[in-house]
């Protein structure tokens, strides 16, 4: 499922226009992004949590040339699946 599929599903299930569904989905994603950018965490019980992980600078290597390349420090989004999601995905029934 991608963003467009989510918008379509929301539109059908809640009987709202696609435009309204787009606005709702974008509002949710923007809220998640702002929370994570500001150092916060987004947690949805039973599903999982989103946060940012900080990675220090290091020296990498260009695989094509073998040249050493400095990699700058960065913050990247991280998702940790919740216990309920893990068990639902793992069900063999």
C-alpha atoms as a PDB file:
ATOM      1  CA  UNK A   1       0.000   0.000   0.000  1.00  0.00           C
ATOM      2  CA  UNK A   2       1.297   3.442  -0.869  1.00  0.00           C
ATOM      3  CA  UNK A   3       0.117   6.966  -0.080  1.00  0.00           C
ATOM      4  CA  UNK A   4      -2.353   7.029  -2.989  1.00  0.00           C
ATOM      5  CA  UNK A   5      -3.866   3.713  -1.869  1.00  0.00           C
ATOM      6  CA  UNK A   6      -4.274   5.096   1.653  1.00  0.00           C
ATOM      7  CA  UNK A   7      -6.024   8.193   0.318  1.00  0.00           C
ATOM      8  CA  UNK A   8      -8.391   6.090  -1.794  1.00  0.00           C
ATOM      9  CA  UNK A   9      -9.179   3.765   1.112  1.00  0.00           C
ATOM     10  CA  UNK A  10      -9.873   6.696   3.458  1.00  0.00           C
ATOM     11  CA  UNK A  11     -12.071   8.371   0.862  1.00  0.00           C
ATOM     12  CA  UNK A  12     -14.144   5.213   0.299  1.00  0.00           C
ATOM     13  CA  UNK A  13     -14.398   4.130   3.927  1.00  0.00           C
ATOM     14  CA  UNK A  14     -15.345   7.536   5.359  1.00  0.00           C
ATOM     15  CA  UNK A  15     -17.379   8.605   2.309  1.00  0.00           C
ATOM     16  CA  UNK A  16     -15.432  11.843   1.836  1.00  0.00           C
ATOM     17  CA  UNK A  17     -14.005  13.469  -1.272  1.00  0.00           C
ATOM     18  CA  UNK A  18     -10.558  12.493  -2.472  1.00  0.00           C
ATOM     19  CA  UNK A  19      -9.455  16.108  -1.961  1.00  0.00           C
ATOM     20  CA  UNK A  20     -10.458  15.970   1.717  1.00  0.00           C
ATOM     21  CA  UNK A  21      -8.718  12.597   2.104  1.00  0.00           C
ATOM     22  CA  UNK A  22      -5.537  14.048   0.566  1.00  0.00           C
ATOM     23  CA  UNK A  23      -5.651  16.941   3.045  1.00  0.00           C
ATOM     24  CA  UNK A  24      -6.144  14.579   6.007  1.00  0.00           C
ATOM     25  CA  UNK A  25      -3.318  12.229   5.016  1.00  0.00           C
ATOM     26  CA  UNK A  26      -0.949  15.132   4.307  1.00  0.00           C
ATOM     27  CA  UNK A  27      -1.845  16.735   7.657  1.00  0.00           C
ATOM     28  CA  UNK A  28      -1.007  13.484   9.475  1.00  0.00           C
ATOM     29  CA  UNK A  29       2.299  13.030   7.619  1.00  0.00           C
ATOM     30  CA  UNK A  30       3.240  16.688   8.203  1.00  0.00           C
ATOM     31  CA  UNK A  31       2.497  16.292  11.921  1.00  0.00           C
ATOM     32  CA  UNK A  32       4.652  13.172  12.121  1.00  0.00           C
ATOM     33  CA  UNK A  33       7.473  14.919  10.271  1.00  0.00           C
ATOM     34  CA  UNK A  34       7.402  18.005  12.495  1.00  0.00           C
ATOM     35  CA  UNK A  35       7.327  15.916  15.684  1.00  0.00           C
ATOM     36  CA  UNK A  36      10.308  13.831  14.586  1.00  0.00           C
ATOM     37  CA  UNK A  37      12.254  16.871  13.297  1.00  0.00           C
ATOM     38  CA  UNK A  38      11.878  18.604  16.658  1.00  0.00           C
ATOM     39  CA  UNK A  39      13.402  15.630  18.454  1.00  0.00           C
ATOM     40  CA  UNK A  40      10.105  14.072  19.465  1.00  0.00           C
ATOM     41  CA  UNK A  41       8.689  10.650  18.900  1.00  0.00           C
ATOM     42  CA  UNK A  42       5.458   9.468  17.272  1.00  0.00           C
ATOM     43  CA  UNK A  43       3.974   6.404  18.922  1.00  0.00           C
ATOM     44  CA  UNK A  44       0.917   4.462  17.811  1.00  0.00           C
ATOM     45  CA  UNK A  45       0.098   1.767  20.337  1.00  0.00           C
ATOM     46  CA  UNK A  46      -0.013  -1.663  18.786  1.00  0.00           C
ATOM     47  CA  UNK A  47       1.558  -0.448  15.544  1.00  0.00           C
ATOM     48  CA  UNK A  48       4.945   1.053  16.332  1.00  0.00           C
ATOM     49  CA  UNK A  49       6.912   4.219  16.907  1.00  0.00           C
ATOM     50  CA  UNK A  50       8.824   6.659  14.730  1.00  0.00           C
ATOM     51  CA  UNK A  51      11.824   8.655  15.919  1.00  0.00           C
ATOM     52  CA  UNK A  52      15.072  10.112  14.616  1.00  0.00           C
ATOM     53  CA  UNK A  53      18.419   8.429  15.119  1.00  0.00           C
ATOM     54  CA  UNK A  54      21.630  10.420  15.186  1.00  0.00           C
ATOM     55  CA  UNK A  55      24.576   9.043  13.236  1.00  0.00           C
ATOM     56  CA  UNK A  56      28.095  10.375  13.821  1.00  0.00           C
ATOM     57  CA  UNK A  57      30.481  11.367  11.048  1.00  0.00           C
ATOM     58  CA  UNK A  58      32.719   8.651   9.654  1.00  0.00           C
ATOM     59  CA  UNK A  59      35.046   7.960   6.766  1.00  0.00           C
ATOM     60  CA  UNK A  60      33.402   5.913   4.044  1.00  0.00           C
ATOM     61  CA  UNK A  61      34.816   4.449   0.878  1.00  0.00           C
ATOM     62  CA  UNK A  62      33.702   4.947  -2.701  1.00  0.00           C
ATOM     63  CA  UNK A  63      33.172   1.356  -3.912  1.00  0.00           C
ATOM     64  CA  UNK A  64      33.972   2.219  -7.510  1.00  0.00           C
ATOM     65  CA  UNK A  65      37.265   4.047  -6.980  1.00  0.00           C
ATOM     66  CA  UNK A  66      38.263   2.901  -3.486  1.00  0.00           C
ATOM     67  CA  UNK A  67      38.766   6.541  -2.517  1.00  0.00           C
ATOM     68  CA  UNK A  68      38.097   7.550   1.116  1.00  0.00           C
ATOM     69  CA  UNK A  69      35.140   9.893   1.447  1.00  0.00           C
ATOM     70  CA  UNK A  70      34.078  11.803   4.576  1.00  0.00           C
ATOM     71  CA  UNK A  71      30.456  11.152   5.547  1.00  0.00           C
ATOM     72  CA  UNK A  72      28.948  13.990   7.571  1.00  0.00           C
ATOM     73  CA  UNK A  73      26.863  13.435  10.721  1.00  0.00           C
ATOM     74  CA  UNK A  74      23.148  13.044  10.076  1.00  0.00           C
ATOM     75  CA  UNK A  75      19.763  12.382  11.612  1.00  0.00           C
ATOM     76  CA  UNK A  76      17.606   9.762   9.912  1.00  0.00           C
ATOM     77  CA  UNK A  77      14.064   8.543  10.603  1.00  0.00           C
ATOM     78  CA  UNK A  78      13.765   5.211  12.386  1.00  0.00           C
ATOM     79  CA  UNK A  79      10.717   2.937  12.805  1.00  0.00           C
ATOM     80  CA  UNK A  80      10.348   0.330  15.514  1.00  0.00           C
ATOM     81  CA  UNK A  81       7.468  -2.099  15.043  1.00  0.00           C
ATOM     82  CA  UNK A  82       5.157  -2.620  18.008  1.00  0.00           C
ATOM     83  CA  UNK A  83       4.551  -5.952  19.693  1.00  0.00           C
ATOM     84  CA  UNK A  84       1.008  -6.299  18.335  1.00  0.00           C
ATOM     85  CA  UNK A  85       2.067  -5.543  14.744  1.00  0.00           C
ATOM     86  CA  UNK A  86       4.878  -8.085  14.991  1.00  0.00           C
ATOM     87  CA  UNK A  87       2.519 -10.783  16.218  1.00  0.00           C
ATOM     88  CA  UNK A  88      -0.120  -9.986  13.557  1.00  0.00           C
ATOM     89  CA  UNK A  89       2.449 -10.191  10.763  1.00  0.00           C
ATOM     90  CA  UNK A  90       3.892 -13.426  12.159  1.00  0.00           C
ATOM     91  CA  UNK A  91       0.549 -15.238  12.448  1.00  0.00           C
ATOM     92  CA  UNK A  92       0.559 -18.455  10.477  1.00  0.00           C
ATOM     93  CA  UNK A  93      -3.219 -18.958  10.598  1.00  0.00           C
END
